Amino acid sequence: MDYYSTLGVSKNASDKELKSAYKKLSMQHHPDRTGGDDSKFKEINEAYSTLKDPQKRQQYDNPQPQGFSQGFGPNGFEGMGGFEDLFSQFGFRHPQQRQRQNQDIAINYALEFKEIFTGVAVNLQYNLPSGRIGTLDAAIPPGVQNGSTVRFAGLGDDSIVGLPKGNLILKVKVKRDPIWQRDGNNIHATRQINVLDFIIGTTLQIVTPTDRKFSLNVPAGTKPGTTFSITGHGVPDVHTKRPGNIHIKLDAKMPILNEQDINKIKDIRNGTS
């Protein structure tokens, strides 16, 4: 696999060009998107993980000779790892032999509630068991669910030299919103209005988590507990990108009335006013 071709950049691409190409391709091929390709997504992460590191990029651009060219020295076939590795290169493996790698590591990442509507670019550093610092540049798509996990191949532990790196498991946590709650791709909230507004009608200003503003008309005679809907402004589906809806439930709150107000209401009830 040619890492430069995988990212669609030239061999002389700058760090900025690499990062831009990676973010565009990782969003396009993310497995959670419609038409996403898990294998392609892994190739993109592998390519970027290598090329963004100056030392790894240098080694990739200037590979060292391998195999028999390393010669026969006082320790046998130098650089070939002994007879077991020698046999494995020719296709002979012990029946119980299996691929080993360094351990996976898991980290949490917290999203603001409004970020599930837009998606977010993640750029963070984390400590590896080896003592080194890992770096993640990735894109979390819109619509991601609380508790979702995203796997990034080759970004985990690298303590044991000679073994493939482990994987990084990113656990997504979505922060609670004081007003809105999510139900699938819909969001809902409860608003309390004066009980008299149910009788005479009113207009409410609704501000969505993404700061969109709507005027909600409450007709006269509306019953407490009624739910109004705003179509197409909920959370985008992580696969289709089609947004859900907004639901607003109206509850009644009692106004503070003095004796004169109460008497006026009695007169209205009794038909004497």
C-alpha atoms as a PDB file:
ATOM      1  CA  MET A   1       0.000   0.000   0.000  1.00  0.00           C
ATOM      2  CA  ASP A   2       1.360   3.419  -1.038  1.00  0.00           C
ATOM      3  CA  TYR A   3       0.593   5.768   1.876  1.00  0.00           C
ATOM      4  CA  TYR A   4       0.847   8.874  -0.310  1.00  0.00           C
ATOM      5  CA  SER A   5      -1.590   7.468  -2.891  1.00  0.00           C
ATOM      6  CA  THR A   6      -3.947   6.410  -0.086  1.00  0.00           C
ATOM      7  CA  LEU A   7      -4.176  10.019   1.110  1.00  0.00           C
ATOM      8  CA  GLY A   8      -4.138  11.405  -2.448  1.00  0.00           C
ATOM      9  CA  VAL A   9      -1.125  13.673  -1.864  1.00  0.00           C
ATOM     10  CA  SER A  10       2.319  14.008  -3.413  1.00  0.00           C
ATOM     11  CA  LYS A  11       5.477  12.666  -1.780  1.00  0.00           C
ATOM     12  CA  ASN A  12       6.471  16.261  -1.002  1.00  0.00           C
ATOM     13  CA  ALA A  13       3.192  17.098   0.763  1.00  0.00           C
ATOM     14  CA  SER A  14       3.472  19.383   3.782  1.00  0.00           C
ATOM     15  CA  ASP A  15       2.142  18.512   7.248  1.00  0.00           C
ATOM     16  CA  LYS A  16      -0.783  20.856   6.616  1.00  0.00           C
ATOM     17  CA  GLU A  17      -1.628  19.134   3.314  1.00  0.00           C
ATOM     18  CA  LEU A  18      -1.421  15.702   4.972  1.00  0.00           C
ATOM     19  CA  LYS A  19      -3.728  16.746   7.784  1.00  0.00           C
ATOM     20  CA  SER A  20      -6.256  18.351   5.427  1.00  0.00           C
ATOM     21  CA  ALA A  21      -6.358  15.268   3.186  1.00  0.00           C
ATOM     22  CA  TYR A  22      -6.710  12.964   6.186  1.00  0.00           C
ATOM     23  CA  LYS A  23      -9.635  14.850   7.707  1.00  0.00           C
ATOM     24  CA  LYS A  24     -11.470  14.981   4.372  1.00  0.00           C
ATOM     25  CA  LEU A  25     -10.988  11.268   3.633  1.00  0.00           C
ATOM     26  CA  SER A  26     -11.677  10.039   7.180  1.00  0.00           C
ATOM     27  CA  MET A  27     -14.999  11.891   7.200  1.00  0.00           C
ATOM     28  CA  GLN A  28     -15.860  10.547   3.721  1.00  0.00           C
ATOM     29  CA  HIS A  29     -15.030   6.894   4.510  1.00  0.00           C
ATOM     30  CA  HIS A  30     -16.002   6.732   8.179  1.00  0.00           C
ATOM     31  CA  PRO A  31     -17.792   3.379   8.790  1.00  0.00           C
ATOM     32  CA  ASP A  32     -20.691   5.142  10.486  1.00  0.00           C
ATOM     33  CA  ARG A  33     -21.548   7.085   7.333  1.00  0.00           C
ATOM     34  CA  THR A  34     -23.658   5.846   4.436  1.00  0.00           C
ATOM     35  CA  GLY A  35     -21.253   4.390   1.884  1.00  0.00           C
ATOM     36  CA  GLY A  36     -18.434   4.336   4.450  1.00  0.00           C
ATOM     37  CA  ASP A  37     -15.731   1.698   4.065  1.00  0.00           C
ATOM     38  CA  ASP A  38     -14.176   0.241   7.223  1.00  0.00           C
ATOM     39  CA  SER A  39     -11.141  -1.215   5.430  1.00  0.00           C
ATOM     40  CA  LYS A  40     -10.505   2.044   3.564  1.00  0.00           C
ATOM     41  CA  PHE A  41     -10.931   3.975   6.826  1.00  0.00           C
ATOM     42  CA  LYS A  42      -8.270   1.776   8.456  1.00  0.00           C
ATOM     43  CA  GLU A  43      -5.892   2.296   5.516  1.00  0.00           C
ATOM     44  CA  ILE A  44      -6.327   6.067   5.777  1.00  0.00           C
ATOM     45  CA  ASN A  45      -5.548   6.015   9.521  1.00  0.00           C
ATOM     46  CA  GLU A  46      -2.531   3.769   8.982  1.00  0.00           C
ATOM     47  CA  ALA A  47      -1.155   6.019   6.248  1.00  0.00           C
ATOM     48  CA  TYR A  48      -1.643   9.225   8.218  1.00  0.00           C
ATOM     49  CA  SER A  49      -0.287   7.687  11.439  1.00  0.00           C
ATOM     50  CA  THR A  50       2.977   6.970   9.606  1.00  0.00           C
ATOM     51  CA  LEU A  51       3.367  10.097   7.493  1.00  0.00           C
ATOM     52  CA  LYS A  52       2.523  12.623  10.207  1.00  0.00           C
ATOM     53  CA  ASP A  53       5.466  11.368  12.309  1.00  0.00           C
ATOM     54  CA  PRO A  54       8.725  12.805  10.851  1.00  0.00           C
ATOM     55  CA  GLN A  55      10.821   9.824  11.985  1.00  0.00           C
ATOM     56  CA  LYS A  56       8.362   7.227  10.662  1.00  0.00           C
ATOM     57  CA  ARG A  57       7.994   9.160   7.418  1.00  0.00           C
ATOM     58  CA  GLN A  58      11.773   9.211   6.985  1.00  0.00           C
ATOM     59  CA  GLN A  59      11.915   5.451   7.526  1.00  0.00           C
ATOM     60  CA  TYR A  60       9.014   4.905   5.114  1.00  0.00           C
ATOM     61  CA  ASP A  61      10.603   7.081   2.419  1.00  0.00           C
ATOM     62  CA  ASN A  62      13.998   5.395   2.867  1.00  0.00           C
ATOM     63  CA  PRO A  63      13.370   1.703   3.654  1.00  0.00           C
ATOM     64  CA  GLN A  64      16.319  -0.395   4.827  1.00  0.00           C
ATOM     65  CA  PRO A  65      17.281  -3.580   2.943  1.00  0.00           C
ATOM     66  CA  GLN A  66      15.695  -6.681   4.429  1.00  0.00           C
ATOM     67  CA  GLY A  67      15.938 -10.470   4.254  1.00  0.00           C
ATOM     68  CA  PHE A  68      19.113 -12.269   3.141  1.00  0.00           C
ATOM     69  CA  SER A  69      20.832  -9.008   2.216  1.00  0.00           C
ATOM     70  CA  GLN A  70      21.486  -8.533   5.925  1.00  0.00           C
ATOM     71  CA  GLY A  71      24.063 -11.330   5.707  1.00  0.00           C
ATOM     72  CA  PHE A  72      25.208 -14.203   7.838  1.00  0.00           C
ATOM     73  CA  GLY A  73      27.064 -13.148  10.969  1.00  0.00           C
ATOM     74  CA  PRO A  74      28.258 -14.621  14.252  1.00  0.00           C
ATOM     75  CA  ASN A  75      24.666 -14.822  15.490  1.00  0.00           C
ATOM     76  CA  GLY A  76      23.283 -16.665  12.442  1.00  0.00           C
ATOM     77  CA  PHE A  77      20.965 -14.960   9.966  1.00  0.00           C
ATOM     78  CA  GLU A  78      21.215 -11.416  11.246  1.00  0.00           C
ATOM     79  CA  GLY A  79      17.970  -9.454  11.428  1.00  0.00           C
ATOM     80  CA  MET A  80      15.782 -12.457  10.628  1.00  0.00           C
ATOM     81  CA  GLY A  81      14.787 -13.277  14.213  1.00  0.00           C
ATOM     82  CA  GLY A  82      16.032 -16.896  14.356  1.00  0.00           C
ATOM     83  CA  PHE A  83      14.880 -20.084  12.674  1.00  0.00           C
ATOM     84  CA  GLU A  84      11.218 -19.723  13.718  1.00  0.00           C
ATOM     85  CA  ASP A  85      10.952 -16.411  11.902  1.00  0.00           C
ATOM     86  CA  LEU A  86      12.945 -17.824   8.997  1.00  0.00           C
ATOM     87  CA  PHE A  87      10.466 -20.661   8.499  1.00  0.00           C
ATOM     88  CA  SER A  88       7.500 -18.288   8.825  1.00  0.00           C
ATOM     89  CA  GLN A  89       8.854 -16.197   5.967  1.00  0.00           C
ATOM     90  CA  PHE A  90       8.593 -19.237   3.707  1.00  0.00           C
ATOM     91  CA  GLY A  91       5.005 -19.963   4.797  1.00  0.00           C
ATOM     92  CA  PHE A  92       5.663 -22.557   7.516  1.00  0.00           C
ATOM     93  CA  ARG A  93       3.945 -21.667  10.789  1.00  0.00           C
ATOM     94  CA  HIS A  94       3.463 -23.570  13.991  1.00  0.00           C
ATOM     95  CA  PRO A  95      -0.193 -24.676  14.190  1.00  0.00           C
ATOM     96  CA  GLN A  96      -0.748 -22.745  17.427  1.00  0.00           C
ATOM     97  CA  GLN A  97       1.073 -19.608  16.313  1.00  0.00           C
ATOM     98  CA  ARG A  98      -1.116 -16.515  16.115  1.00  0.00           C
ATOM     99  CA  GLN A  99      -0.555 -12.862  15.469  1.00  0.00           C
ATOM    100  CA  ARG A 100       0.414 -10.949  18.575  1.00  0.00           C
ATOM    101  CA  GLN A 101       0.329  -7.233  19.098  1.00  0.00           C
ATOM    102  CA  ASN A 102       0.628  -4.615  21.782  1.00  0.00           C
ATOM    103  CA  GLN A 103      -2.427  -3.973  23.905  1.00  0.00           C
ATOM    104  CA  ASP A 104      -5.328  -1.735  22.955  1.00  0.00           C
ATOM    105  CA  ILE A 105      -5.951   1.360  25.027  1.00  0.00           C
ATOM    106  CA  ALA A 106      -9.217   3.222  25.576  1.00  0.00           C
ATOM    107  CA  ILE A 107      -9.795   6.918  26.250  1.00  0.00           C
ATOM    108  CA  ASN A 108     -12.963   8.962  26.772  1.00  0.00           C
ATOM    109  CA  TYR A 109     -13.912  12.004  24.743  1.00  0.00           C
ATOM    110  CA  ALA A 110     -16.728  14.335  25.829  1.00  0.00           C
ATOM    111  CA  LEU A 111     -18.923  16.097  23.281  1.00  0.00           C
ATOM    112  CA  GLU A 112     -21.062  19.129  23.964  1.00  0.00           C
ATOM    113  CA  PHE A 113     -24.727  18.401  23.237  1.00  0.00           C
ATOM    114  CA  LYS A 114     -24.786  20.865  20.326  1.00  0.00           C
ATOM    115  CA  GLU A 115     -21.802  19.104  18.684  1.00  0.00           C
ATOM    116  CA  ILE A 116     -23.896  16.011  17.892  1.00  0.00           C
ATOM    117  CA  PHE A 117     -25.719  18.204  15.351  1.00  0.00           C
ATOM    118  CA  THR A 118     -22.572  19.356  13.535  1.00  0.00           C
ATOM    119  CA  GLY A 119     -19.864  16.764  14.164  1.00  0.00           C
ATOM    120  CA  VAL A 120     -16.459  17.796  15.452  1.00  0.00           C
ATOM    121  CA  ALA A 121     -12.785  17.532  14.539  1.00  0.00           C
ATOM    122  CA  VAL A 122     -10.792  15.855  17.322  1.00  0.00           C
ATOM    123  CA  ASN A 123      -7.171  16.745  17.966  1.00  0.00           C
ATOM    124  CA  LEU A 124      -5.849  15.362  21.231  1.00  0.00           C
ATOM    125  CA  GLN A 125      -2.827  13.816  22.889  1.00  0.00           C
ATOM    126  CA  TYR A 126      -2.837  10.848  25.272  1.00  0.00           C
ATOM    127  CA  ASN A 127      -0.310   8.919  27.343  1.00  0.00           C
ATOM    128  CA  LEU A 128       0.820   5.512  26.127  1.00  0.00           C
ATOM    129  CA  PRO A 129       1.912   2.744  28.557  1.00  0.00           C
ATOM    130  CA  SER A 130       5.357   2.943  26.948  1.00  0.00           C
ATOM    131  CA  GLY A 131       5.734   6.477  28.288  1.00  0.00           C
ATOM    132  CA  ARG A 132       5.397   8.080  24.887  1.00  0.00           C
ATOM    133  CA  ILE A 133       2.673  10.502  23.823  1.00  0.00           C
ATOM    134  CA  GLY A 134       0.070   9.455  21.273  1.00  0.00           C
ATOM    135  CA  THR A 135      -1.715  11.927  18.990  1.00  0.00           C
ATOM    136  CA  LEU A 136      -5.153  11.571  17.453  1.00  0.00           C
ATOM    137  CA  ASP A 137      -6.414  13.722  14.573  1.00  0.00           C
ATOM    138  CA  ALA A 138      -9.852  12.509  13.564  1.00  0.00           C
ATOM    139  CA  ALA A 139     -13.408  13.570  12.768  1.00  0.00           C
ATOM    140  CA  ILE A 140     -16.468  12.507  14.764  1.00  0.00           C
ATOM    141  CA  PRO A 141     -19.496  12.640  12.454  1.00  0.00           C
ATOM    142  CA  PRO A 142     -22.826  14.319  13.259  1.00  0.00           C
ATOM    143  CA  GLY A 143     -25.441  12.130  14.933  1.00  0.00           C
ATOM    144  CA  VAL A 144     -23.058  10.066  17.045  1.00  0.00           C
ATOM    145  CA  GLN A 145     -24.757   8.410  20.012  1.00  0.00           C
ATOM    146  CA  ASN A 146     -23.705   8.716  23.642  1.00  0.00           C
ATOM    147  CA  GLY A 147     -21.596   5.683  24.530  1.00  0.00           C
ATOM    148  CA  SER A 148     -20.468   4.995  20.960  1.00  0.00           C
ATOM    149  CA  THR A 149     -16.932   3.692  20.433  1.00  0.00           C
ATOM    150  CA  VAL A 150     -14.643   4.358  17.481  1.00  0.00           C
ATOM    151  CA  ARG A 151     -11.593   2.150  16.803  1.00  0.00           C
ATOM    152  CA  PHE A 152      -8.374   3.594  15.349  1.00  0.00           C
ATOM    153  CA  ALA A 153      -5.946   0.896  14.213  1.00  0.00           C
ATOM    154  CA  GLY A 154      -2.289   1.232  15.176  1.00  0.00           C
ATOM    155  CA  LEU A 155      -2.684   4.114  17.625  1.00  0.00           C
ATOM    156  CA  GLY A 156      -2.530   2.026  20.824  1.00  0.00           C
ATOM    157  CA  ASP A 157       0.321   0.726  22.983  1.00  0.00           C
ATOM    158  CA  ASP A 158       3.795   0.347  21.475  1.00  0.00           C
ATOM    159  CA  SER A 159       5.701  -0.916  24.534  1.00  0.00           C
ATOM    160  CA  ILE A 160       6.909  -4.206  23.011  1.00  0.00           C
ATOM    161  CA  VAL A 161       9.328  -3.503  20.177  1.00  0.00           C
ATOM    162  CA  GLY A 162       8.848  -5.784  17.205  1.00  0.00           C
ATOM    163  CA  LEU A 163       5.126  -6.292  17.731  1.00  0.00           C
ATOM    164  CA  PRO A 164       2.401  -4.340  15.912  1.00  0.00           C
ATOM    165  CA  LYS A 165       0.949  -1.444  17.803  1.00  0.00           C
ATOM    166  CA  GLY A 166      -2.323  -1.913  19.608  1.00  0.00           C
ATOM    167  CA  ASN A 167      -5.474   0.005  18.740  1.00  0.00           C
ATOM    168  CA  LEU A 168      -6.960   3.144  20.221  1.00  0.00           C
ATOM    169  CA  ILE A 169     -10.579   2.864  21.334  1.00  0.00           C
ATOM    170  CA  LEU A 170     -12.268   6.261  21.602  1.00  0.00           C
ATOM    171  CA  LYS A 171     -15.346   6.210  23.844  1.00  0.00           C
ATOM    172  CA  VAL A 172     -17.727   9.076  23.078  1.00  0.00           C
ATOM    173  CA  LYS A 173     -19.652  10.667  25.920  1.00  0.00           C
ATOM    174  CA  VAL A 174     -22.274  13.335  25.165  1.00  0.00           C
ATOM    175  CA  LYS A 175     -22.808  15.925  27.877  1.00  0.00           C
ATOM    176  CA  ARG A 176     -26.352  16.509  29.148  1.00  0.00           C
ATOM    177  CA  ASP A 177     -28.210  19.629  28.101  1.00  0.00           C
ATOM    178  CA  PRO A 178     -30.223  21.531  30.759  1.00  0.00           C
ATOM    179  CA  ILE A 179     -33.186  21.978  28.384  1.00  0.00           C
ATOM    180  CA  TRP A 180     -33.108  19.353  25.658  1.00  0.00           C
ATOM    181  CA  GLN A 181     -33.193  15.572  25.742  1.00  0.00           C
ATOM    182  CA  ARG A 182     -32.496  13.185  22.896  1.00  0.00           C
ATOM    183  CA  ASP A 183     -34.791  10.356  21.836  1.00  0.00           C
ATOM    184  CA  GLY A 184     -33.311   8.610  18.806  1.00  0.00           C
ATOM    185  CA  ASN A 185     -32.814  11.407  16.296  1.00  0.00           C
ATOM    186  CA  ASN A 186     -35.556  13.558  17.837  1.00  0.00           C
ATOM    187  CA  ILE A 187     -35.053  16.042  20.642  1.00  0.00           C
ATOM    188  CA  HIS A 188     -37.703  17.184  23.077  1.00  0.00           C
ATOM    189  CA  ALA A 189     -38.174  19.764  25.800  1.00  0.00           C
ATOM    190  CA  THR A 190     -40.917  20.943  28.141  1.00  0.00           C
ATOM    191  CA  ARG A 191     -41.978  24.599  28.420  1.00  0.00           C
ATOM    192  CA  GLN A 192     -44.181  25.995  31.153  1.00  0.00           C
ATOM    193  CA  ILE A 193     -46.531  28.826  30.215  1.00  0.00           C
ATOM    194  CA  ASN A 194     -49.157  30.781  32.093  1.00  0.00           C
ATOM    195  CA  VAL A 195     -52.454  28.885  32.260  1.00  0.00           C
ATOM    196  CA  LEU A 196     -54.162  32.005  30.896  1.00  0.00           C
ATOM    197  CA  ASP A 197     -52.022  31.717  27.734  1.00  0.00           C
ATOM    198  CA  PHE A 198     -53.720  28.406  27.034  1.00  0.00           C
ATOM    199  CA  ILE A 199     -57.046  30.230  27.163  1.00  0.00           C
ATOM    200  CA  ILE A 200     -56.230  33.329  25.110  1.00  0.00           C
ATOM    201  CA  GLY A 201     -53.313  32.013  23.014  1.00  0.00           C
ATOM    202  CA  THR A 202     -49.698  33.213  22.806  1.00  0.00           C
ATOM    203  CA  THR A 203     -46.495  33.056  20.768  1.00  0.00           C
ATOM    204  CA  LEU A 204     -43.339  31.404  22.153  1.00  0.00           C
ATOM    205  CA  GLN A 205     -39.742  31.921  21.043  1.00  0.00           C
ATOM    206  CA  ILE A 206     -37.925  28.596  20.662  1.00  0.00           C
ATOM    207  CA  VAL A 207     -34.106  28.495  20.473  1.00  0.00           C
ATOM    208  CA  THR A 208     -32.646  25.159  19.315  1.00  0.00           C
ATOM    209  CA  PRO A 209     -29.330  23.683  20.556  1.00  0.00           C
ATOM    210  CA  THR A 210     -27.688  25.056  17.396  1.00  0.00           C
ATOM    211  CA  ASP A 211     -29.074  28.550  18.143  1.00  0.00           C
ATOM    212  CA  ARG A 212     -31.773  28.481  15.460  1.00  0.00           C
ATOM    213  CA  LYS A 213     -34.779  30.600  16.471  1.00  0.00           C
ATOM    214  CA  PHE A 214     -38.424  29.739  15.794  1.00  0.00           C
ATOM    215  CA  SER A 215     -41.727  31.393  16.700  1.00  0.00           C
ATOM    216  CA  LEU A 216     -44.227  28.842  17.995  1.00  0.00           C
ATOM    217  CA  ASN A 217     -47.882  29.875  17.762  1.00  0.00           C
ATOM    218  CA  VAL A 218     -50.053  28.521  20.608  1.00  0.00           C
ATOM    219  CA  PRO A 219     -53.697  28.918  19.546  1.00  0.00           C
ATOM    220  CA  ALA A 220     -56.367  30.028  22.040  1.00  0.00           C
ATOM    221  CA  GLY A 221     -57.979  27.055  23.737  1.00  0.00           C
ATOM    222  CA  THR A 222     -54.932  24.826  23.593  1.00  0.00           C
ATOM    223  CA  LYS A 223     -54.980  22.173  26.315  1.00  0.00           C
ATOM    224  CA  PRO A 224     -52.123  21.839  28.827  1.00  0.00           C
ATOM    225  CA  GLY A 225     -49.899  18.870  27.946  1.00  0.00           C
ATOM    226  CA  THR A 226     -50.170  19.483  24.186  1.00  0.00           C
ATOM    227  CA  THR A 227     -46.979  18.730  22.222  1.00  0.00           C
ATOM    228  CA  PHE A 228     -45.951  20.811  19.199  1.00  0.00           C
ATOM    229  CA  SER A 229     -43.436  19.608  16.593  1.00  0.00           C
ATOM    230  CA  ILE A 230     -40.896  21.360  14.389  1.00  0.00           C
ATOM    231  CA  THR A 231     -39.975  19.086  11.501  1.00  0.00           C
ATOM    232  CA  GLY A 232     -36.416  18.527  10.321  1.00  0.00           C
ATOM    233  CA  HIS A 233     -34.388  20.277  13.009  1.00  0.00           C
ATOM    234  CA  GLY A 234     -33.497  17.336  15.240  1.00  0.00           C
ATOM    235  CA  VAL A 235     -30.270  15.317  15.287  1.00  0.00           C
ATOM    236  CA  PRO A 236     -28.895  14.173  11.888  1.00  0.00           C
ATOM    237  CA  ASP A 237     -28.910  10.403  11.428  1.00  0.00           C
ATOM    238  CA  VAL A 238     -25.311   9.180  11.610  1.00  0.00           C
ATOM    239  CA  HIS A 239     -25.807   7.063   8.469  1.00  0.00           C
ATOM    240  CA  THR A 240     -28.276   8.962   6.248  1.00  0.00           C
ATOM    241  CA  LYS A 241     -27.717  12.481   7.653  1.00  0.00           C
ATOM    242  CA  ARG A 242     -31.489  12.995   7.621  1.00  0.00           C
ATOM    243  CA  PRO A 243     -32.429  15.066  10.713  1.00  0.00           C
ATOM    244  CA  GLY A 244     -35.096  14.123  13.211  1.00  0.00           C
ATOM    245  CA  ASN A 245     -37.693  16.482  14.669  1.00  0.00           C
ATOM    246  CA  ILE A 246     -38.123  18.831  17.613  1.00  0.00           C
ATOM    247  CA  HIS A 247     -40.962  18.231  20.086  1.00  0.00           C
ATOM    248  CA  ILE A 248     -42.101  20.896  22.573  1.00  0.00           C
ATOM    249  CA  LYS A 249     -44.525  19.873  25.334  1.00  0.00           C
ATOM    250  CA  LEU A 250     -46.435  22.701  27.023  1.00  0.00           C
ATOM    251  CA  ASP A 251     -47.253  22.519  30.720  1.00  0.00           C
ATOM    252  CA  ALA A 252     -49.332  25.044  32.642  1.00  0.00           C
ATOM    253  CA  LYS A 253     -48.187  27.182  35.539  1.00  0.00           C
ATOM    254  CA  MET A 254     -50.558  29.098  37.746  1.00  0.00           C
ATOM    255  CA  PRO A 255     -50.363  32.896  37.740  1.00  0.00           C
ATOM    256  CA  ILE A 256     -50.142  34.824  40.990  1.00  0.00           C
ATOM    257  CA  LEU A 257     -53.606  36.340  41.511  1.00  0.00           C
ATOM    258  CA  ASN A 258     -54.901  38.840  44.023  1.00  0.00           C
ATOM    259  CA  GLU A 259     -58.461  38.833  45.367  1.00  0.00           C
ATOM    260  CA  GLN A 260     -59.642  41.284  42.744  1.00  0.00           C
ATOM    261  CA  ASP A 261     -58.288  39.095  39.930  1.00  0.00           C
ATOM    262  CA  ILE A 262     -59.995  36.035  41.423  1.00  0.00           C
ATOM    263  CA  ASN A 263     -63.316  37.843  41.630  1.00  0.00           C
ATOM    264  CA  LYS A 264     -63.038  38.881  37.950  1.00  0.00           C
ATOM    265  CA  ILE A 265     -62.407  35.262  36.966  1.00  0.00           C
ATOM    266  CA  LYS A 266     -65.421  34.170  39.030  1.00  0.00           C
ATOM    267  CA  ASP A 267     -67.561  36.723  37.238  1.00  0.00           C
ATOM    268  CA  ILE A 268     -66.343  35.401  33.860  1.00  0.00           C
ATOM    269  CA  ARG A 269     -67.074  31.837  34.936  1.00  0.00           C
ATOM    270  CA  ASN A 270     -70.531  32.755  36.160  1.00  0.00           C
ATOM    271  CA  GLY A 271     -71.267  34.848  33.077  1.00  0.00           C
ATOM    272  CA  THR A 272     -71.871  38.006  35.088  1.00  0.00           C
ATOM    273  CA  SER A 273     -69.185  40.178  33.573  1.00  0.00           C
END
